[in-house]
Amino acid sequence: MDTSLYVGSTNNLEKRLHEHNNLKSGAHYTKIRRPVTLKYFETYETYTEVRKREAELQNWKREKKLELINKNKNKH
């Protein structure tokens, strides 16, 4: 079982999760680490905001990502 933390963005979360887990069109990173489970998400109004936040999270160390996930576990 893969325990890596993938950060990505989409405008249709349900569809993207399906793609990651079931289709050849899912990101290569997730395709070889199935099943993919959603641990955390955020919503933004603009694509610019999304890309900025995605880049920020991708640069975080695993421990910091896990803190964010655990801190918000029951909010969604």
N, C-alpha and C. Protein backbone atom coordinates (compact mmCIF):
# COMPACT_ATOMS: atom_id res chain seq x y z
N MET A 1 0.84 -1.19 0.00
CA MET A 1 0.00 0.00 0.00
C MET A 1 0.89 1.25 0.00
N ASP A 2 0.63 2.13 -0.92
CA ASP A 2 1.40 3.37 -1.04
C ASP A 2 0.86 4.39 -0.04
N THR A 3 1.74 5.06 0.65
CA THR A 3 1.32 6.06 1.65
C THR A 3 1.71 7.48 1.25
N SER A 4 2.08 7.67 -0.01
CA SER A 4 2.47 9.00 -0.46
C SER A 4 1.27 9.94 -0.46
N LEU A 5 1.55 11.23 -0.44
CA LEU A 5 0.50 12.26 -0.45
C LEU A 5 0.60 13.02 -1.75
N TYR A 6 -0.44 12.92 -2.57
CA TYR A 6 -0.50 13.56 -3.87
C TYR A 6 -1.27 14.86 -3.75
N VAL A 7 -0.79 15.92 -4.35
CA VAL A 7 -1.47 17.21 -4.38
C VAL A 7 -1.81 17.52 -5.84
N GLY A 8 -3.07 17.82 -6.10
CA GLY A 8 -3.48 18.15 -7.45
C GLY A 8 -4.65 19.10 -7.41
N SER A 9 -5.11 19.51 -8.58
CA SER A 9 -6.25 20.42 -8.66
C SER A 9 -7.20 19.97 -9.76
N THR A 10 -8.46 20.32 -9.58
CA THR A 10 -9.50 19.97 -10.55
C THR A 10 -10.70 20.87 -10.36
N ASN A 11 -11.55 20.96 -11.36
CA ASN A 11 -12.81 21.67 -11.20
C ASN A 11 -13.98 20.70 -11.03
N ASN A 12 -13.67 19.38 -10.96
CA ASN A 12 -14.69 18.37 -10.74
C ASN A 12 -14.07 17.23 -9.93
N LEU A 13 -14.16 17.34 -8.62
CA LEU A 13 -13.46 16.43 -7.72
C LEU A 13 -13.92 14.98 -7.87
N GLU A 14 -15.20 14.76 -7.93
CA GLU A 14 -15.72 13.39 -8.06
C GLU A 14 -15.22 12.73 -9.35
N LYS A 15 -15.29 13.48 -10.44
CA LYS A 15 -14.83 12.95 -11.74
C LYS A 15 -13.33 12.64 -11.70
N ARG A 16 -12.55 13.53 -11.09
CA ARG A 16 -11.10 13.33 -11.06
C ARG A 16 -10.71 12.13 -10.21
N LEU A 17 -11.38 11.93 -9.09
CA LEU A 17 -11.12 10.75 -8.27
C LEU A 17 -11.41 9.48 -9.06
N HIS A 18 -12.51 9.49 -9.80
CA HIS A 18 -12.86 8.35 -10.63
C HIS A 18 -11.76 8.09 -11.67
N GLU A 19 -11.28 9.15 -12.32
CA GLU A 19 -10.22 9.01 -13.31
C GLU A 19 -8.95 8.43 -12.68
N HIS A 20 -8.58 8.96 -11.53
CA HIS A 20 -7.36 8.47 -10.86
C HIS A 20 -7.45 6.99 -10.52
N ASN A 21 -8.62 6.53 -10.18
CA ASN A 21 -8.78 5.15 -9.73
C ASN A 21 -9.20 4.16 -10.81
N ASN A 22 -9.74 4.62 -11.92
CA ASN A 22 -10.34 3.69 -12.87
C ASN A 22 -9.91 3.83 -14.32
N LEU A 23 -9.38 4.96 -14.70
CA LEU A 23 -9.11 5.18 -16.12
C LEU A 23 -7.63 5.28 -16.43
N LYS A 24 -7.30 5.07 -17.67
CA LYS A 24 -5.93 5.24 -18.12
C LYS A 24 -5.55 6.72 -18.18
N SER A 25 -6.56 7.61 -18.19
CA SER A 25 -6.29 9.05 -18.31
C SER A 25 -5.92 9.70 -16.98
N GLY A 26 -5.95 8.96 -15.89
CA GLY A 26 -5.54 9.52 -14.61
C GLY A 26 -4.06 9.86 -14.63
N ALA A 27 -3.65 10.72 -13.73
CA ALA A 27 -2.24 11.11 -13.65
C ALA A 27 -1.38 9.87 -13.44
N HIS A 28 -0.24 9.81 -14.12
CA HIS A 28 0.65 8.65 -14.01
C HIS A 28 1.03 8.40 -12.55
N TYR A 29 1.29 9.46 -11.81
CA TYR A 29 1.69 9.32 -10.41
C TYR A 29 0.65 8.52 -9.63
N THR A 30 -0.62 8.82 -9.83
CA THR A 30 -1.66 8.13 -9.07
C THR A 30 -2.01 6.78 -9.69
N LYS A 31 -1.85 6.65 -10.99
CA LYS A 31 -2.18 5.41 -11.69
C LYS A 31 -1.39 4.22 -11.15
N ILE A 32 -0.15 4.46 -10.75
CA ILE A 32 0.68 3.37 -10.25
C ILE A 32 0.61 3.23 -8.73
N ARG A 33 -0.29 4.00 -8.09
CA ARG A 33 -0.42 3.97 -6.64
C ARG A 33 -1.86 3.74 -6.19
N ARG A 34 -2.64 3.11 -6.99
CA ARG A 34 -4.05 2.87 -6.67
C ARG A 34 -4.22 1.90 -5.52
N PRO A 35 -5.29 2.02 -4.77
CA PRO A 35 -6.37 2.99 -4.88
C PRO A 35 -6.00 4.34 -4.28
N VAL A 36 -6.56 5.38 -4.87
CA VAL A 36 -6.38 6.74 -4.40
C VAL A 36 -7.56 7.07 -3.49
N THR A 37 -7.27 7.65 -2.33
CA THR A 37 -8.35 8.09 -1.44
C THR A 37 -8.17 9.58 -1.15
N LEU A 38 -9.28 10.28 -1.08
CA LEU A 38 -9.27 11.71 -0.79
C LEU A 38 -9.11 11.91 0.71
N LYS A 39 -8.09 12.66 1.10
CA LYS A 39 -7.83 12.95 2.50
C LYS A 39 -8.20 14.37 2.89
N TYR A 40 -8.17 15.28 1.92
CA TYR A 40 -8.37 16.70 2.22
C TYR A 40 -8.62 17.45 0.93
N PHE A 41 -9.43 18.49 0.98
CA PHE A 41 -9.60 19.36 -0.18
C PHE A 41 -9.91 20.78 0.26
N GLU A 42 -9.67 21.71 -0.63
CA GLU A 42 -9.98 23.12 -0.44
C GLU A 42 -10.67 23.61 -1.70
N THR A 43 -11.45 24.66 -1.57
CA THR A 43 -12.10 25.25 -2.74
C THR A 43 -11.66 26.71 -2.89
N TYR A 44 -11.56 27.15 -4.13
CA TYR A 44 -11.13 28.50 -4.45
C TYR A 44 -11.99 29.05 -5.58
N GLU A 45 -12.04 30.36 -5.68
CA GLU A 45 -12.86 31.03 -6.70
C GLU A 45 -12.18 31.11 -8.05
N THR A 46 -10.85 31.28 -8.06
CA THR A 46 -10.16 31.48 -9.33
C THR A 46 -9.08 30.43 -9.56
N TYR A 47 -8.77 30.20 -10.80
CA TYR A 47 -7.72 29.26 -11.19
C TYR A 47 -6.37 29.75 -10.68
N THR A 48 -6.16 31.05 -10.67
CA THR A 48 -4.90 31.61 -10.17
C THR A 48 -4.69 31.26 -8.71
N GLU A 49 -5.73 31.38 -7.91
CA GLU A 49 -5.65 31.02 -6.49
C GLU A 49 -5.34 29.54 -6.32
N VAL A 50 -5.99 28.72 -7.13
CA VAL A 50 -5.80 27.26 -7.06
C VAL A 50 -4.35 26.91 -7.35
N ARG A 51 -3.82 27.42 -8.43
CA ARG A 51 -2.45 27.09 -8.83
C ARG A 51 -1.43 27.56 -7.79
N LYS A 52 -1.67 28.72 -7.21
CA LYS A 52 -0.77 29.24 -6.17
C LYS A 52 -0.78 28.31 -4.96
N ARG A 53 -1.97 27.93 -4.51
CA ARG A 53 -2.08 27.05 -3.34
C ARG A 53 -1.52 25.66 -3.64
N GLU A 54 -1.80 25.13 -4.82
CA GLU A 54 -1.27 23.82 -5.20
C GLU A 54 0.26 23.82 -5.15
N ALA A 55 0.88 24.85 -5.69
CA ALA A 55 2.34 24.94 -5.68
C ALA A 55 2.86 25.03 -4.25
N GLU A 56 2.17 25.77 -3.41
CA GLU A 56 2.57 25.89 -2.01
C GLU A 56 2.54 24.53 -1.32
N LEU A 57 1.42 23.81 -1.48
CA LEU A 57 1.28 22.51 -0.82
C LEU A 57 2.27 21.48 -1.35
N GLN A 58 2.55 21.52 -2.63
CA GLN A 58 3.49 20.57 -3.21
C GLN A 58 4.90 20.75 -2.66
N ASN A 59 5.20 21.92 -2.18
CA ASN A 59 6.53 22.18 -1.62
C ASN A 59 6.63 21.86 -0.13
N TRP A 60 5.51 21.54 0.48
CA TRP A 60 5.53 21.19 1.90
C TRP A 60 6.11 19.81 2.12
N LYS A 61 6.72 19.61 3.27
CA LYS A 61 7.17 18.28 3.68
C LYS A 61 5.97 17.46 4.11
N ARG A 62 6.11 16.16 4.07
CA ARG A 62 5.04 15.22 4.42
C ARG A 62 4.41 15.54 5.78
N GLU A 63 5.24 15.82 6.78
CA GLU A 63 4.75 16.07 8.14
C GLU A 63 3.79 17.26 8.17
N LYS A 64 4.12 18.30 7.45
CA LYS A 64 3.27 19.50 7.42
C LYS A 64 1.94 19.19 6.72
N LYS A 65 1.98 18.41 5.65
CA LYS A 65 0.75 18.01 4.95
C LYS A 65 -0.14 17.18 5.87
N LEU A 66 0.48 16.26 6.61
CA LEU A 66 -0.29 15.42 7.54
C LEU A 66 -0.92 16.26 8.65
N GLU A 67 -0.23 17.27 9.14
CA GLU A 67 -0.79 18.17 10.14
C GLU A 67 -2.03 18.87 9.59
N LEU A 68 -1.97 19.34 8.36
CA LEU A 68 -3.10 20.00 7.73
C LEU A 68 -4.28 19.05 7.60
N ILE A 69 -4.01 17.84 7.13
CA ILE A 69 -5.06 16.81 6.98
C ILE A 69 -5.70 16.51 8.32
N ASN A 70 -4.89 16.25 9.33
CA ASN A 70 -5.40 15.86 10.65
C ASN A 70 -6.14 17.00 11.34
N LYS A 71 -5.67 18.23 11.16
CA LYS A 71 -6.31 19.38 11.77
C LYS A 71 -7.72 19.61 11.20
N ASN A 72 -7.91 19.24 9.94
CA ASN A 72 -9.18 19.49 9.26
C ASN A 72 -9.99 18.23 9.02
N LYS A 73 -9.66 17.16 9.68
CA LYS A 73 -10.27 15.85 9.42
C LYS A 73 -11.80 15.86 9.44
N ASN A 74 -12.40 16.57 10.34
CA ASN A 74 -13.85 16.52 10.50
C ASN A 74 -14.58 17.75 9.97
N LYS A 75 -13.90 18.58 9.22
CA LYS A 75 -14.50 19.84 8.72
C LYS A 75 -15.23 19.67 7.40
N HIS A 76 -14.93 18.63 6.62
CA HIS A 76 -15.55 18.47 5.29
C HIS A 76 -16.60 17.39 5.35
